C-alpha cells in the first residue's frame, strides 16, 4: 500500500471512529488510564460496557470525547 493510501485510510478511520478505548485515550492525551477515567467521569462522559467480567470491554463514544477535548482546548 502506498504512503498516500495509508494516510487516506487513517483519515477515514479517524473520521468514522464511533468508540474509543481508555488505553487509546491515555496514549492520545499522554496520561495514565486512571487519570483519563477520572477526567471523563468528572466531565459526565459515561462508558459503554461491552461484555462482562474480565473479558468485557469499556469504550467511550468518540463524539462525546472529541467534544470534551475541544472544550478543554478552548479553556486553557
C-alpha atoms as a PDB file:
ATOM      1  CA  UNK A   1       0.000   0.000   0.000  1.00  0.00           C
ATOM      2  CA  UNK A   2       1.376   3.420  -0.906  1.00  0.00           C
ATOM      3  CA  UNK A   3       2.009   6.108   1.666  1.00  0.00           C
ATOM      4  CA  UNK A   4      -0.832   8.312   0.399  1.00  0.00           C
ATOM      5  CA  UNK A   5      -3.262   5.378   0.504  1.00  0.00           C
ATOM      6  CA  UNK A   6      -2.227   4.677   4.083  1.00  0.00           C
ATOM      7  CA  UNK A   7      -2.813   8.292   5.177  1.00  0.00           C
ATOM      8  CA  UNK A   8      -6.177   8.362   3.368  1.00  0.00           C
ATOM      9  CA  UNK A   9      -7.246   5.176   5.186  1.00  0.00           C
ATOM     10  CA  UNK A  10      -6.094   6.660   8.502  1.00  0.00           C
ATOM     11  CA  UNK A  11      -8.182   9.788   7.880  1.00  0.00           C
ATOM     12  CA  UNK A  12     -11.218   7.661   7.116  1.00  0.00           C
ATOM     13  CA  UNK A  13     -10.678   5.559  10.240  1.00  0.00           C
ATOM     14  CA  UNK A  14     -10.278   8.664  12.420  1.00  0.00           C
ATOM     15  CA  UNK A  15     -13.316  10.428  10.967  1.00  0.00           C
ATOM     16  CA  UNK A  16     -15.573   7.373  11.248  1.00  0.00           C
ATOM     17  CA  UNK A  17     -14.499   6.277  14.708  1.00  0.00           C
ATOM     18  CA  UNK A  18     -17.564   5.506  16.808  1.00  0.00           C
ATOM     19  CA  UNK A  19     -15.974   4.443  20.079  1.00  0.00           C
ATOM     20  CA  UNK A  20     -12.557   4.661  21.678  1.00  0.00           C
ATOM     21  CA  UNK A  21     -10.942   2.665  24.458  1.00  0.00           C
ATOM     22  CA  UNK A  22      -9.364   4.018  27.611  1.00  0.00           C
ATOM     23  CA  UNK A  23      -5.871   2.826  26.659  1.00  0.00           C
ATOM     24  CA  UNK A  24      -6.040   4.658  23.332  1.00  0.00           C
ATOM     25  CA  UNK A  25      -7.271   7.832  25.026  1.00  0.00           C
ATOM     26  CA  UNK A  26      -4.493   7.654  27.601  1.00  0.00           C
ATOM     27  CA  UNK A  27      -1.919   7.381  24.819  1.00  0.00           C
ATOM     28  CA  UNK A  28      -3.503  10.267  22.906  1.00  0.00           C
ATOM     29  CA  UNK A  29      -3.540  12.509  25.982  1.00  0.00           C
ATOM     30  CA  UNK A  30      -0.179  11.266  27.311  1.00  0.00           C
ATOM     31  CA  UNK A  31      -1.716  10.495  30.682  1.00  0.00           C
ATOM     32  CA  UNK A  32      -2.336   7.480  32.895  1.00  0.00           C
ATOM     33  CA  UNK A  33      -5.521   5.496  32.289  1.00  0.00           C
ATOM     34  CA  UNK A  34      -6.804   6.194  35.807  1.00  0.00           C
ATOM     35  CA  UNK A  35      -6.405   9.950  35.236  1.00  0.00           C
ATOM     36  CA  UNK A  36      -8.264   9.798  31.934  1.00  0.00           C
ATOM     37  CA  UNK A  37     -11.030   7.693  33.511  1.00  0.00           C
ATOM     38  CA  UNK A  38     -11.382  10.256  36.322  1.00  0.00           C
ATOM     39  CA  UNK A  39     -11.451  13.212  33.876  1.00  0.00           C
ATOM     40  CA  UNK A  40     -14.122  11.559  31.766  1.00  0.00           C
ATOM     41  CA  UNK A  41     -16.182  10.748  34.844  1.00  0.00           C
ATOM     42  CA  UNK A  42     -15.904  14.373  36.041  1.00  0.00           C
ATOM     43  CA  UNK A  43     -16.977  15.548  32.578  1.00  0.00           C
ATOM     44  CA  UNK A  44     -20.052  13.328  32.787  1.00  0.00           C
ATOM     45  CA  UNK A  45     -18.999  11.060  29.916  1.00  0.00           C
ATOM     46  CA  UNK A  46     -20.361   7.612  30.657  1.00  0.00           C
ATOM     47  CA  UNK A  47     -18.640   4.463  29.420  1.00  0.00           C
ATOM     48  CA  UNK A  48     -20.187   1.850  27.168  1.00  0.00           C
ATOM     49  CA  UNK A  49     -19.627  -1.600  28.660  1.00  0.00           C
ATOM     50  CA  UNK A  50     -19.423  -4.464  26.180  1.00  0.00           C
ATOM     51  CA  UNK A  51     -19.470  -7.931  27.684  1.00  0.00           C
ATOM     52  CA  UNK A  52     -18.968  -8.947  31.293  1.00  0.00           C
ATOM     53  CA  UNK A  53     -16.164  -9.668  33.688  1.00  0.00           C
ATOM     54  CA  UNK A  54     -12.515  -9.871  32.674  1.00  0.00           C
ATOM     55  CA  UNK A  55     -13.316 -10.210  29.002  1.00  0.00           C
ATOM     56  CA  UNK A  56     -15.587  -7.188  28.917  1.00  0.00           C
ATOM     57  CA  UNK A  57     -14.536  -4.041  27.102  1.00  0.00           C
ATOM     58  CA  UNK A  58     -15.086  -0.463  28.175  1.00  0.00           C
ATOM     59  CA  UNK A  59     -15.438   2.111  25.417  1.00  0.00           C
ATOM     60  CA  UNK A  60     -16.434   5.743  25.197  1.00  0.00           C
ATOM     61  CA  UNK A  61     -18.391   7.465  22.426  1.00  0.00           C
ATOM     62  CA  UNK A  62     -15.801   9.218  20.274  1.00  0.00           C
ATOM     63  CA  UNK A  63     -18.119  12.161  19.581  1.00  0.00           C
ATOM     64  CA  UNK A  64     -18.510  12.842  23.334  1.00  0.00           C
ATOM     65  CA  UNK A  65     -14.772  12.543  23.949  1.00  0.00           C
ATOM     66  CA  UNK A  66     -13.926  14.741  20.968  1.00  0.00           C
ATOM     67  CA  UNK A  67     -16.293  17.476  22.178  1.00  0.00           C
ATOM     68  CA  UNK A  68     -14.764  17.286  25.659  1.00  0.00           C
ATOM     69  CA  UNK A  69     -11.218  17.569  24.279  1.00  0.00           C
ATOM     70  CA  UNK A  70     -12.176  20.538  22.097  1.00  0.00           C
ATOM     71  CA  UNK A  71     -13.846  22.306  25.028  1.00  0.00           C
ATOM     72  CA  UNK A  72     -10.704  21.816  27.131  1.00  0.00           C
ATOM     73  CA  UNK A  73      -8.504  23.245  24.379  1.00  0.00           C
ATOM     74  CA  UNK A  74     -10.534  26.450  24.337  1.00  0.00           C
ATOM     75  CA  UNK A  75     -10.464  26.947  28.113  1.00  0.00           C
ATOM     76  CA  UNK A  76      -6.737  26.608  28.636  1.00  0.00           C
END
